[in-house]
Each structure stands twice: as structure tokens, then as C-alpha cells.
Amino acid sequence: LLCKDIIPMLEYVRGKFLNLKINTNASLLDEAKCHAL
């Protein structure tokens, strides 16, 4: 979530893979990132 392009990255992978996993320490979660996930 420290990657400045993480939201458009998550948008780009939408619907492309059977199992996409992300690991985060959750310290930077905000409303926009929650919706992206």
C-alpha cells in the first residue's frame, strides 16, 4: 500500500485472475484503498 499506484494497479487486475492475494500491514488502509481492495 506504499506504492503510489496501488489503486490503479488493483483496478487493472479486476476480473483477470482466479486467485489474487494481497498482504498488507493495514496501517495505511483508508476508505479509497478499502474500496479498491
PDB file of all heavy atoms in Angstrom:
ATOM      1  N   LEU A   1       0.818  -1.216   0.000  1.00  0.00           N
ATOM      2  CA  LEU A   1       0.000   0.000   0.000  1.00  0.00           C
ATOM      3  C   LEU A   1       0.852   1.266   0.000  1.00  0.00           C
ATOM      4  O   LEU A   1       0.307   2.367  -0.138  1.00  0.00           O
ATOM      5  CB  LEU A   1      -0.959  -0.001   1.193  1.00  0.00           C
ATOM      6  CG  LEU A   1      -1.997  -1.125   1.235  1.00  0.00           C
ATOM      7  CD1 LEU A   1      -3.037  -0.852   2.315  1.00  0.00           C
ATOM      8  CD2 LEU A   1      -2.665  -1.350  -0.116  1.00  0.00           C
ATOM      9  N   LEU A   2       2.167   1.117   0.118  1.00  0.00           N
ATOM     10  CA  LEU A   2       3.058   2.269  -0.019  1.00  0.00           C
ATOM     11  C   LEU A   2       3.314   2.635  -1.480  1.00  0.00           C
ATOM     12  O   LEU A   2       3.874   3.696  -1.767  1.00  0.00           O
ATOM     13  CB  LEU A   2       4.395   1.999   0.670  1.00  0.00           C
ATOM     14  CG  LEU A   2       4.478   2.353   2.156  1.00  0.00           C
ATOM     15  CD1 LEU A   2       5.785   1.839   2.748  1.00  0.00           C
ATOM     16  CD2 LEU A   2       4.367   3.851   2.367  1.00  0.00           C
ATOM     17  N   CYS A   3       2.914   1.767  -2.394  1.00  0.00           N
ATOM     18  CA  CYS A   3       3.056   2.077  -3.813  1.00  0.00           C
ATOM     19  C   CYS A   3       2.011   3.125  -4.194  1.00  0.00           C
ATOM     20  O   CYS A   3       0.815   2.936  -3.959  1.00  0.00           O
ATOM     21  CB  CYS A   3       2.869   0.818  -4.649  1.00  0.00           C
ATOM     22  SG  CYS A   3       3.032   1.092  -6.412  1.00  0.00           S
ATOM     23  N   LYS A   4       2.453   4.226  -4.782  1.00  0.00           N
ATOM     24  CA  LYS A   4       1.527   5.327  -5.075  1.00  0.00           C
ATOM     25  C   LYS A   4       0.476   4.943  -6.109  1.00  0.00           C
ATOM     26  O   LYS A   4      -0.590   5.568  -6.186  1.00  0.00           O
ATOM     27  CB  LYS A   4       2.294   6.563  -5.553  1.00  0.00           C
ATOM     28  CG  LYS A   4       3.025   6.399  -6.876  1.00  0.00           C
ATOM     29  CD  LYS A   4       3.771   7.665  -7.245  1.00  0.00           C
ATOM     30  CE  LYS A   4       4.504   7.532  -8.579  1.00  0.00           C
ATOM     31  NZ  LYS A   4       3.587   7.316  -9.699  1.00  0.00           N
ATOM     32  N   ASP A   5       0.752   3.898  -6.910  1.00  0.00           N
ATOM     33  CA  ASP A   5      -0.188   3.475  -7.945  1.00  0.00           C
ATOM     34  C   ASP A   5      -0.978   2.234  -7.551  1.00  0.00           C
ATOM     35  O   ASP A   5      -1.557   1.568  -8.418  1.00  0.00           O
ATOM     36  CB  ASP A   5       0.573   3.186  -9.250  1.00  0.00           C
ATOM     37  CG  ASP A   5       1.081   4.445  -9.924  1.00  0.00           C
ATOM     38  OD1 ASP A   5       0.333   5.450  -9.937  1.00  0.00           O
ATOM     39  OD2 ASP A   5       2.224   4.435 -10.422  1.00  0.00           O
ATOM     40  N   ILE A   6      -1.048   1.927  -6.256  1.00  0.00           N
ATOM     41  CA  ILE A   6      -1.691   0.681  -5.857  1.00  0.00           C
ATOM     42  C   ILE A   6      -3.166   0.660  -6.241  1.00  0.00           C
ATOM     43  O   ILE A   6      -3.701  -0.403  -6.631  1.00  0.00           O
ATOM     44  CB  ILE A   6      -1.502   0.417  -4.340  1.00  0.00           C
ATOM     45  CG1 ILE A   6      -1.922  -1.023  -3.988  1.00  0.00           C
ATOM     46  CG2 ILE A   6      -2.238   1.448  -3.502  1.00  0.00           C
ATOM     47  CD1 ILE A   6      -1.088  -2.098  -4.624  1.00  0.00           C
ATOM     48  N   ILE A   7      -3.861   1.776  -6.188  1.00  0.00           N
ATOM     49  CA  ILE A   7      -5.283   1.769  -6.544  1.00  0.00           C
ATOM     50  C   ILE A   7      -5.485   1.498  -8.031  1.00  0.00           C
ATOM     51  O   ILE A   7      -6.262   0.591  -8.390  1.00  0.00           O
ATOM     52  CB  ILE A   7      -5.964   3.064  -6.082  1.00  0.00           C
ATOM     53  CG1 ILE A   7      -6.057   3.083  -4.546  1.00  0.00           C
ATOM     54  CG2 ILE A   7      -7.366   3.195  -6.693  1.00  0.00           C
ATOM     55  CD1 ILE A   7      -6.674   4.335  -3.958  1.00  0.00           C
ATOM     56  N   PRO A   8      -4.817   2.206  -8.941  1.00  0.00           N
ATOM     57  CA  PRO A   8      -4.963   1.823 -10.357  1.00  0.00           C
ATOM     58  C   PRO A   8      -4.434   0.420 -10.662  1.00  0.00           C
ATOM     59  O   PRO A   8      -4.937  -0.245 -11.570  1.00  0.00           O
ATOM     60  CB  PRO A   8      -4.180   2.897 -11.113  1.00  0.00           C
ATOM     61  CG  PRO A   8      -3.325   3.577 -10.108  1.00  0.00           C
ATOM     62  CD  PRO A   8      -4.049   3.461  -8.815  1.00  0.00           C
ATOM     63  N   MET A   9      -3.455  -0.058  -9.908  1.00  0.00           N
ATOM     64  CA  MET A   9      -2.999  -1.438 -10.078  1.00  0.00           C
ATOM     65  C   MET A   9      -4.121  -2.413  -9.756  1.00  0.00           C
ATOM     66  O   MET A   9      -4.376  -3.377 -10.496  1.00  0.00           O
ATOM     67  CB  MET A   9      -1.792  -1.721  -9.182  1.00  0.00           C
ATOM     68  CG  MET A   9      -0.499  -1.083  -9.638  1.00  0.00           C
ATOM     69  SD  MET A   9       0.847  -1.362  -8.435  1.00  0.00           S
ATOM     70  CE  MET A   9       2.246  -0.683  -9.343  1.00  0.00           C
ATOM     71  N   LEU A  10      -4.806  -2.180  -8.643  1.00  0.00           N
ATOM     72  CA  LEU A  10      -5.912  -3.052  -8.257  1.00  0.00           C
ATOM     73  C   LEU A  10      -7.050  -2.967  -9.263  1.00  0.00           C
ATOM     74  O   LEU A  10      -7.732  -3.966  -9.537  1.00  0.00           O
ATOM     75  CB  LEU A  10      -6.395  -2.690  -6.850  1.00  0.00           C
ATOM     76  CG  LEU A  10      -5.423  -3.034  -5.717  1.00  0.00           C
ATOM     77  CD1 LEU A  10      -5.865  -2.407  -4.403  1.00  0.00           C
ATOM     78  CD2 LEU A  10      -5.278  -4.542  -5.555  1.00  0.00           C
ATOM     79  N   GLU A  11      -7.255  -1.801  -9.817  1.00  0.00           N
ATOM     80  CA  GLU A  11      -8.277  -1.659 -10.850  1.00  0.00           C
ATOM     81  C   GLU A  11      -7.902  -2.457 -12.099  1.00  0.00           C
ATOM     82  O   GLU A  11      -8.762  -3.063 -12.744  1.00  0.00           O
ATOM     83  CB  GLU A  11      -8.463  -0.184 -11.208  1.00  0.00           C
ATOM     84  CG  GLU A  11      -9.098   0.644 -10.098  1.00  0.00           C
ATOM     85  CD  GLU A  11      -9.092   2.136 -10.400  1.00  0.00           C
ATOM     86  OE1 GLU A  11      -8.410   2.550 -11.371  1.00  0.00           O
ATOM     87  OE2 GLU A  11      -9.748   2.889  -9.657  1.00  0.00           O
ATOM     88  N   TYR A  12      -6.622  -2.495 -12.422  1.00  0.00           N
ATOM     89  CA  TYR A  12      -6.170  -3.150 -13.642  1.00  0.00           C
ATOM     90  C   TYR A  12      -6.291  -4.678 -13.572  1.00  0.00           C
ATOM     91  O   TYR A  12      -6.479  -5.340 -14.604  1.00  0.00           O
ATOM     92  CB  TYR A  12      -4.720  -2.760 -13.956  1.00  0.00           C
ATOM     93  CG  TYR A  12      -4.298  -3.106 -15.359  1.00  0.00           C
ATOM     94  CD1 TYR A  12      -4.787  -2.383 -16.444  1.00  0.00           C
ATOM     95  CD2 TYR A  12      -3.424  -4.157 -15.608  1.00  0.00           C
ATOM     96  CE1 TYR A  12      -4.420  -2.704 -17.744  1.00  0.00           C
ATOM     97  CE2 TYR A  12      -3.045  -4.481 -16.899  1.00  0.00           C
ATOM     98  CZ  TYR A  12      -3.544  -3.755 -17.962  1.00  0.00           C
ATOM     99  OH  TYR A  12      -3.175  -4.074 -19.258  1.00  0.00           O
ATOM    100  N   VAL A  13      -6.174  -5.245 -12.386  1.00  0.00           N
ATOM    101  CA  VAL A  13      -6.237  -6.706 -12.261  1.00  0.00           C
ATOM    102  C   VAL A  13      -7.661  -7.223 -12.124  1.00  0.00           C
ATOM    103  O   VAL A  13      -7.885  -8.434 -12.122  1.00  0.00           O
ATOM    104  CB  VAL A  13      -5.411  -7.215 -11.055  1.00  0.00           C
ATOM    105  CG1 VAL A  13      -3.945  -6.891 -11.218  1.00  0.00           C
ATOM    106  CG2 VAL A  13      -5.934  -6.640  -9.743  1.00  0.00           C
ATOM    107  N   ARG A  14      -8.627  -6.347 -12.047  1.00  0.00           N
ATOM    108  CA  ARG A  14     -10.009  -6.750 -11.793  1.00  0.00           C
ATOM    109  C   ARG A  14     -10.490  -7.761 -12.838  1.00  0.00           C
ATOM    110  O   ARG A  14     -10.428  -7.529 -14.033  1.00  0.00           O
ATOM    111  CB  ARG A  14     -10.916  -5.522 -11.806  1.00  0.00           C
ATOM    112  CG  ARG A  14     -12.323  -5.781 -11.295  1.00  0.00           C
ATOM    113  CD  ARG A  14     -13.112  -4.488 -11.262  1.00  0.00           C
ATOM    114  NE  ARG A  14     -12.455  -3.477 -10.424  1.00  0.00           N
ATOM    115  CZ  ARG A  14     -12.752  -2.175 -10.474  1.00  0.00           C
ATOM    116  NH1 ARG A  14     -13.649  -1.723 -11.346  1.00  0.00           N
ATOM    117  NH2 ARG A  14     -12.119  -1.336  -9.673  1.00  0.00           N
ATOM    118  N   GLY A  15     -10.938  -8.909 -12.339  1.00  0.00           N
ATOM    119  CA  GLY A  15     -11.516  -9.918 -13.213  1.00  0.00           C
ATOM    120  C   GLY A  15     -10.530 -10.735 -14.016  1.00  0.00           C
ATOM    121  O   GLY A  15     -10.940 -11.545 -14.856  1.00  0.00           O
ATOM    122  N   LYS A  16      -9.240 -10.596 -13.781  1.00  0.00           N
ATOM    123  CA  LYS A  16      -8.248 -11.260 -14.636  1.00  0.00           C
ATOM    124  C   LYS A  16      -7.733 -12.579 -14.072  1.00  0.00           C
ATOM    125  O   LYS A  16      -7.208 -13.399 -14.833  1.00  0.00           O
ATOM    126  CB  LYS A  16      -7.052 -10.322 -14.878  1.00  0.00           C
ATOM    127  CG  LYS A  16      -7.351  -9.149 -15.814  1.00  0.00           C
ATOM    128  CD  LYS A  16      -6.078  -8.363 -16.112  1.00  0.00           C
ATOM    129  CE  LYS A  16      -6.280  -7.377 -17.261  1.00  0.00           C
ATOM    130  NZ  LYS A  16      -7.093  -6.228 -16.877  1.00  0.00           N
ATOM    131  N   PHE A  17      -7.843 -12.811 -12.756  1.00  0.00           N
ATOM    132  CA  PHE A  17      -7.229 -13.991 -12.162  1.00  0.00           C
ATOM    133  C   PHE A  17      -8.197 -14.707 -11.230  1.00  0.00           C
ATOM    134  O   PHE A  17      -9.065 -14.076 -10.616  1.00  0.00           O
ATOM    135  CB  PHE A  17      -5.960 -13.604 -11.392  1.00  0.00           C
ATOM    136  CG  PHE A  17      -4.940 -12.892 -12.240  1.00  0.00           C
ATOM    137  CD1 PHE A  17      -4.786 -11.514 -12.162  1.00  0.00           C
ATOM    138  CD2 PHE A  17      -4.168 -13.593 -13.150  1.00  0.00           C
ATOM    139  CE1 PHE A  17      -3.860 -10.845 -12.946  1.00  0.00           C
ATOM    140  CE2 PHE A  17      -3.241 -12.938 -13.948  1.00  0.00           C
ATOM    141  CZ  PHE A  17      -3.087 -11.565 -13.851  1.00  0.00           C
ATOM    142  N   LEU A  18      -8.018 -16.020 -11.117  1.00  0.00           N
ATOM    143  CA  LEU A  18      -8.872 -16.789 -10.223  1.00  0.00           C
ATOM    144  C   LEU A  18      -8.575 -16.482  -8.759  1.00  0.00           C
ATOM    145  O   LEU A  18      -9.475 -16.451  -7.929  1.00  0.00           O
ATOM    146  CB  LEU A  18      -8.658 -18.289 -10.468  1.00  0.00           C
ATOM    147  CG  LEU A  18      -9.301 -18.882 -11.715  1.00  0.00           C
ATOM    148  CD1 LEU A  18      -8.910 -20.343 -11.850  1.00  0.00           C
ATOM    149  CD2 LEU A  18     -10.814 -18.731 -11.666  1.00  0.00           C
ATOM    150  N   ASN A  19      -7.302 -16.293  -8.444  1.00  0.00           N
ATOM    151  CA  ASN A  19      -6.952 -16.065  -7.042  1.00  0.00           C
ATOM    152  C   ASN A  19      -5.869 -15.006  -6.960  1.00  0.00           C
ATOM    153  O   ASN A  19      -4.700 -15.268  -7.234  1.00  0.00           O
ATOM    154  CB  ASN A  19      -6.472 -17.366  -6.383  1.00  0.00           C
ATOM    155  CG  ASN A  19      -6.546 -17.284  -4.865  1.00  0.00           C
ATOM    156  OD1 ASN A  19      -6.463 -16.204  -4.290  1.00  0.00           O
ATOM    157  ND2 ASN A  19      -6.709 -18.426  -4.222  1.00  0.00           N
ATOM    158  N   LEU A  20      -6.259 -13.808  -6.601  1.00  0.00           N
ATOM    159  CA  LEU A  20      -5.324 -12.712  -6.384  1.00  0.00           C
ATOM    160  C   LEU A  20      -5.299 -12.411  -4.893  1.00  0.00           C
ATOM    161  O   LEU A  20      -6.343 -12.132  -4.291  1.00  0.00           O
ATOM    162  CB  LEU A  20      -5.743 -11.472  -7.159  1.00  0.00           C
ATOM    163  CG  LEU A  20      -4.838 -10.252  -6.952  1.00  0.00           C
ATOM    164  CD1 LEU A  20      -3.548 -10.413  -7.741  1.00  0.00           C
ATOM    165  CD2 LEU A  20      -5.539  -8.976  -7.370  1.00  0.00           C
ATOM    166  N   LYS A  21      -4.117 -12.485  -4.311  1.00  0.00           N
ATOM    167  CA  LYS A  21      -3.965 -12.246  -2.878  1.00  0.00           C
ATOM    168  C   LYS A  21      -3.112 -11.014  -2.660  1.00  0.00           C
ATOM    169  O   LYS A  21      -2.190 -10.733  -3.440  1.00  0.00           O
ATOM    170  CB  LYS A  21      -3.301 -13.457  -2.205  1.00  0.00           C
ATOM    171  CG  LYS A  21      -3.177 -13.337  -0.691  1.00  0.00           C
ATOM    172  CD  LYS A  21      -2.588 -14.594  -0.080  1.00  0.00           C
ATOM    173  CE  LYS A  21      -1.093 -14.663  -0.258  1.00  0.00           C
ATOM    174  NZ  LYS A  21      -0.459 -15.730   0.556  1.00  0.00           N
ATOM    175  N   ILE A  22      -3.411 -10.264  -1.609  1.00  0.00           N
ATOM    176  CA  ILE A  22      -2.572  -9.138  -1.220  1.00  0.00           C
ATOM    177  C   ILE A  22      -2.321  -9.219   0.277  1.00  0.00           C
ATOM    178  O   ILE A  22      -3.218  -9.560   1.059  1.00  0.00           O
ATOM    179  CB  ILE A  22      -3.215  -7.785  -1.605  1.00  0.00           C
ATOM    180  CG1 ILE A  22      -2.249  -6.625  -1.317  1.00  0.00           C
ATOM    181  CG2 ILE A  22      -4.553  -7.582  -0.927  1.00  0.00           C
ATOM    182  CD1 ILE A  22      -2.680  -5.305  -1.921  1.00  0.00           C
ATOM    183  N   ASN A  23      -1.078  -8.968   0.673  1.00  0.00           N
ATOM    184  CA  ASN A  23      -0.693  -8.909   2.081  1.00  0.00           C
ATOM    185  C   ASN A  23      -0.396  -7.469   2.450  1.00  0.00           C
ATOM    186  O   ASN A  23       0.367  -6.795   1.750  1.00  0.00           O
ATOM    187  CB  ASN A  23       0.555  -9.743   2.343  1.00  0.00           C
ATOM    188  CG  ASN A  23       0.313 -11.224   2.231  1.00  0.00           C
ATOM    189  OD1 ASN A  23      -0.074 -11.715   1.182  1.00  0.00           O
ATOM    190  ND2 ASN A  23       0.555 -11.952   3.306  1.00  0.00           N
ATOM    191  N   THR A  24      -0.969  -7.009   3.541  1.00  0.00           N
ATOM    192  CA  THR A  24      -0.737  -5.640   3.986  1.00  0.00           C
ATOM    193  C   THR A  24      -0.716  -5.575   5.505  1.00  0.00           C
ATOM    194  O   THR A  24      -1.421  -6.332   6.182  1.00  0.00           O
ATOM    195  CB  THR A  24      -1.821  -4.693   3.443  1.00  0.00           C
ATOM    196  OG1 THR A  24      -1.640  -3.383   4.013  1.00  0.00           O
ATOM    197  CG2 THR A  24      -3.224  -5.177   3.761  1.00  0.00           C
ATOM    198  N   ASN A  25       0.083  -4.652   6.038  1.00  0.00           N
ATOM    199  CA  ASN A  25       0.068  -4.451   7.492  1.00  0.00           C
ATOM    200  C   ASN A  25      -1.117  -3.607   7.938  1.00  0.00           C
ATOM    201  O   ASN A  25      -1.304  -3.394   9.137  1.00  0.00           O
ATOM    202  CB  ASN A  25       1.389  -3.849   7.985  1.00  0.00           C
ATOM    203  CG  ASN A  25       1.699  -2.487   7.384  1.00  0.00           C
ATOM    204  OD1 ASN A  25       0.814  -1.670   7.104  1.00  0.00           O
ATOM    205  ND2 ASN A  25       2.996  -2.208   7.191  1.00  0.00           N
ATOM    206  N   ALA A  26      -1.908  -3.110   6.992  1.00  0.00           N
ATOM    207  CA  ALA A  26      -3.175  -2.402   7.231  1.00  0.00           C
ATOM    208  C   ALA A  26      -3.000  -1.025   7.850  1.00  0.00           C
ATOM    209  O   ALA A  26      -3.985  -0.330   8.106  1.00  0.00           O
ATOM    210  CB  ALA A  26      -4.129  -3.236   8.094  1.00  0.00           C
ATOM    211  N   SER A  27      -1.772  -0.584   8.047  1.00  0.00           N
ATOM    212  CA  SER A  27      -1.554   0.714   8.682  1.00  0.00           C
ATOM    213  C   SER A  27      -1.969   1.875   7.779  1.00  0.00           C
ATOM    214  O   SER A  27      -2.269   2.968   8.272  1.00  0.00           O
ATOM    215  CB  SER A  27      -0.085   0.869   9.072  1.00  0.00           C
ATOM    216  OG  SER A  27       0.742   0.908   7.922  1.00  0.00           O
ATOM    217  N   LEU A  28      -1.976   1.636   6.463  1.00  0.00           N
ATOM    218  CA  LEU A  28      -2.270   2.704   5.504  1.00  0.00           C
ATOM    219  C   LEU A  28      -3.641   2.559   4.870  1.00  0.00           C
ATOM    220  O   LEU A  28      -3.971   3.290   3.934  1.00  0.00           O
ATOM    221  CB  LEU A  28      -1.189   2.713   4.411  1.00  0.00           C
ATOM    222  CG  LEU A  28       0.243   2.906   4.915  1.00  0.00           C
ATOM    223  CD1 LEU A  28       1.242   2.699   3.783  1.00  0.00           C
ATOM    224  CD2 LEU A  28       0.418   4.283   5.530  1.00  0.00           C
ATOM    225  N   LEU A  29      -4.433   1.638   5.366  1.00  0.00           N
ATOM    226  CA  LEU A  29      -5.782   1.461   4.830  1.00  0.00           C
ATOM    227  C   LEU A  29      -6.617   2.717   5.068  1.00  0.00           C
ATOM    228  O   LEU A  29      -6.669   3.242   6.183  1.00  0.00           O
ATOM    229  CB  LEU A  29      -6.474   0.279   5.512  1.00  0.00           C
ATOM    230  CG  LEU A  29      -6.400  -1.101   4.863  1.00  0.00           C
ATOM    231  CD1 LEU A  29      -7.221  -2.080   5.692  1.00  0.00           C
ATOM    232  CD2 LEU A  29      -6.906  -1.074   3.431  1.00  0.00           C
ATOM    233  N   ASP A  30      -7.263   3.184   4.014  1.00  0.00           N
ATOM    234  CA  ASP A  30      -8.247   4.245   4.149  1.00  0.00           C
ATOM    235  C   ASP A  30      -9.457   3.843   3.321  1.00  0.00           C
ATOM    236  O   ASP A  30      -9.497   2.751   2.729  1.00  0.00           O
ATOM    237  CB  ASP A  30      -7.686   5.600   3.717  1.00  0.00           C
ATOM    238  CG  ASP A  30      -7.128   5.588   2.300  1.00  0.00           C
ATOM    239  OD1 ASP A  30      -7.546   4.729   1.487  1.00  0.00           O
ATOM    240  OD2 ASP A  30      -6.267   6.439   2.001  1.00  0.00           O
ATOM    241  N   GLU A  31     -10.444   4.711   3.238  1.00  0.00           N
ATOM    242  CA  GLU A  31     -11.685   4.346   2.551  1.00  0.00           C
ATOM    243  C   GLU A  31     -11.444   4.027   1.077  1.00  0.00           C
ATOM    244  O   GLU A  31     -11.981   3.055   0.539  1.00  0.00           O
ATOM    245  CB  GLU A  31     -12.712   5.466   2.696  1.00  0.00           C
ATOM    246  CG  GLU A  31     -14.098   5.067   2.225  1.00  0.00           C
ATOM    247  CD  GLU A  31     -15.174   6.041   2.675  1.00  0.00           C
ATOM    248  OE1 GLU A  31     -14.898   6.876   3.558  1.00  0.00           O
ATOM    249  OE2 GLU A  31     -16.288   5.958   2.125  1.00  0.00           O
ATOM    250  N   ALA A  32     -10.617   4.833   0.410  1.00  0.00           N
ATOM    251  CA  ALA A  32     -10.360   4.611  -1.015  1.00  0.00           C
ATOM    252  C   ALA A  32      -9.671   3.269  -1.247  1.00  0.00           C
ATOM    253  O   ALA A  32     -10.017   2.528  -2.184  1.00  0.00           O
ATOM    254  CB  ALA A  32      -9.510   5.747  -1.579  1.00  0.00           C
ATOM    255  N   LYS A  33      -8.702   2.933  -0.410  1.00  0.00           N
ATOM    256  CA  LYS A  33      -7.996   1.661  -0.577  1.00  0.00           C
ATOM    257  C   LYS A  33      -8.901   0.488  -0.227  1.00  0.00           C
ATOM    258  O   LYS A  33      -8.812  -0.583  -0.850  1.00  0.00           O
ATOM    259  CB  LYS A  33      -6.729   1.651   0.278  1.00  0.00           C
ATOM    260  CG  LYS A  33      -5.650   2.629  -0.199  1.00  0.00           C
ATOM    261  CD  LYS A  33      -4.384   2.495   0.625  1.00  0.00           C
ATOM    262  CE  LYS A  33      -3.281   3.434   0.128  1.00  0.00           C
ATOM    263  NZ  LYS A  33      -3.574   4.837   0.460  1.00  0.00           N
ATOM    264  N   CYS A  34      -9.781   0.653   0.747  1.00  0.00           N
ATOM    265  CA  CYS A  34     -10.741  -0.408   1.066  1.00  0.00           C
ATOM    266  C   CYS A  34     -11.614  -0.718  -0.144  1.00  0.00           C
ATOM    267  O   CYS A  34     -11.818  -1.882  -0.504  1.00  0.00           O
ATOM    268  CB  CYS A  34     -11.612  -0.002   2.250  1.00  0.00           C
ATOM    269  SG  CYS A  34     -10.776  -0.011   3.857  1.00  0.00           S
ATOM    270  N   HIS A  35     -12.124   0.326  -0.789  1.00  0.00           N
ATOM    271  CA  HIS A  35     -12.961   0.114  -1.968  1.00  0.00           C
ATOM    272  C   HIS A  35     -12.160  -0.525  -3.097  1.00  0.00           C
ATOM    273  O   HIS A  35     -12.679  -1.383  -3.827  1.00  0.00           O
ATOM    274  CB  HIS A  35     -13.569   1.437  -2.426  1.00  0.00           C
ATOM    275  CG  HIS A  35     -14.741   1.882  -1.596  1.00  0.00           C
ATOM    276  ND1 HIS A  35     -15.975   1.269  -1.666  1.00  0.00           N
ATOM    277  CD2 HIS A  35     -14.855   2.873  -0.669  1.00  0.00           C
ATOM    278  CE1 HIS A  35     -16.813   1.870  -0.824  1.00  0.00           C
ATOM    279  NE2 HIS A  35     -16.157   2.847  -0.205  1.00  0.00           N
ATOM    280  N   ALA A  36     -10.914  -0.131  -3.256  1.00  0.00           N
ATOM    281  CA  ALA A  36     -10.076  -0.725  -4.308  1.00  0.00           C
ATOM    282  C   ALA A  36      -9.863  -2.217  -4.057  1.00  0.00           C
ATOM    283  O   ALA A  36      -9.891  -3.019  -4.997  1.00  0.00           O
ATOM    284  CB  ALA A  36      -8.734  -0.001  -4.370  1.00  0.00           C
ATOM    285  N   LEU A  37      -9.670  -2.591  -2.810  1.00  0.00           N
ATOM    286  CA  LEU A  37      -9.483  -3.994  -2.472  1.00  0.00           C
ATOM    287  C   LEU A  37     -10.776  -4.791  -2.634  1.00  0.00           C
ATOM    288  O   LEU A  37     -10.740  -6.002  -2.922  1.00  0.00           O
ATOM    289  CB  LEU A  37      -8.986  -4.128  -1.028  1.00  0.00           C
ATOM    290  CG  LEU A  37      -7.557  -3.667  -0.748  1.00  0.00           C
ATOM    291  CD1 LEU A  37      -7.306  -3.597   0.750  1.00  0.00           C
ATOM    292  CD2 LEU A  37      -6.549  -4.608  -1.406  1.00  0.00           C
TER     293      LEU A  37
END
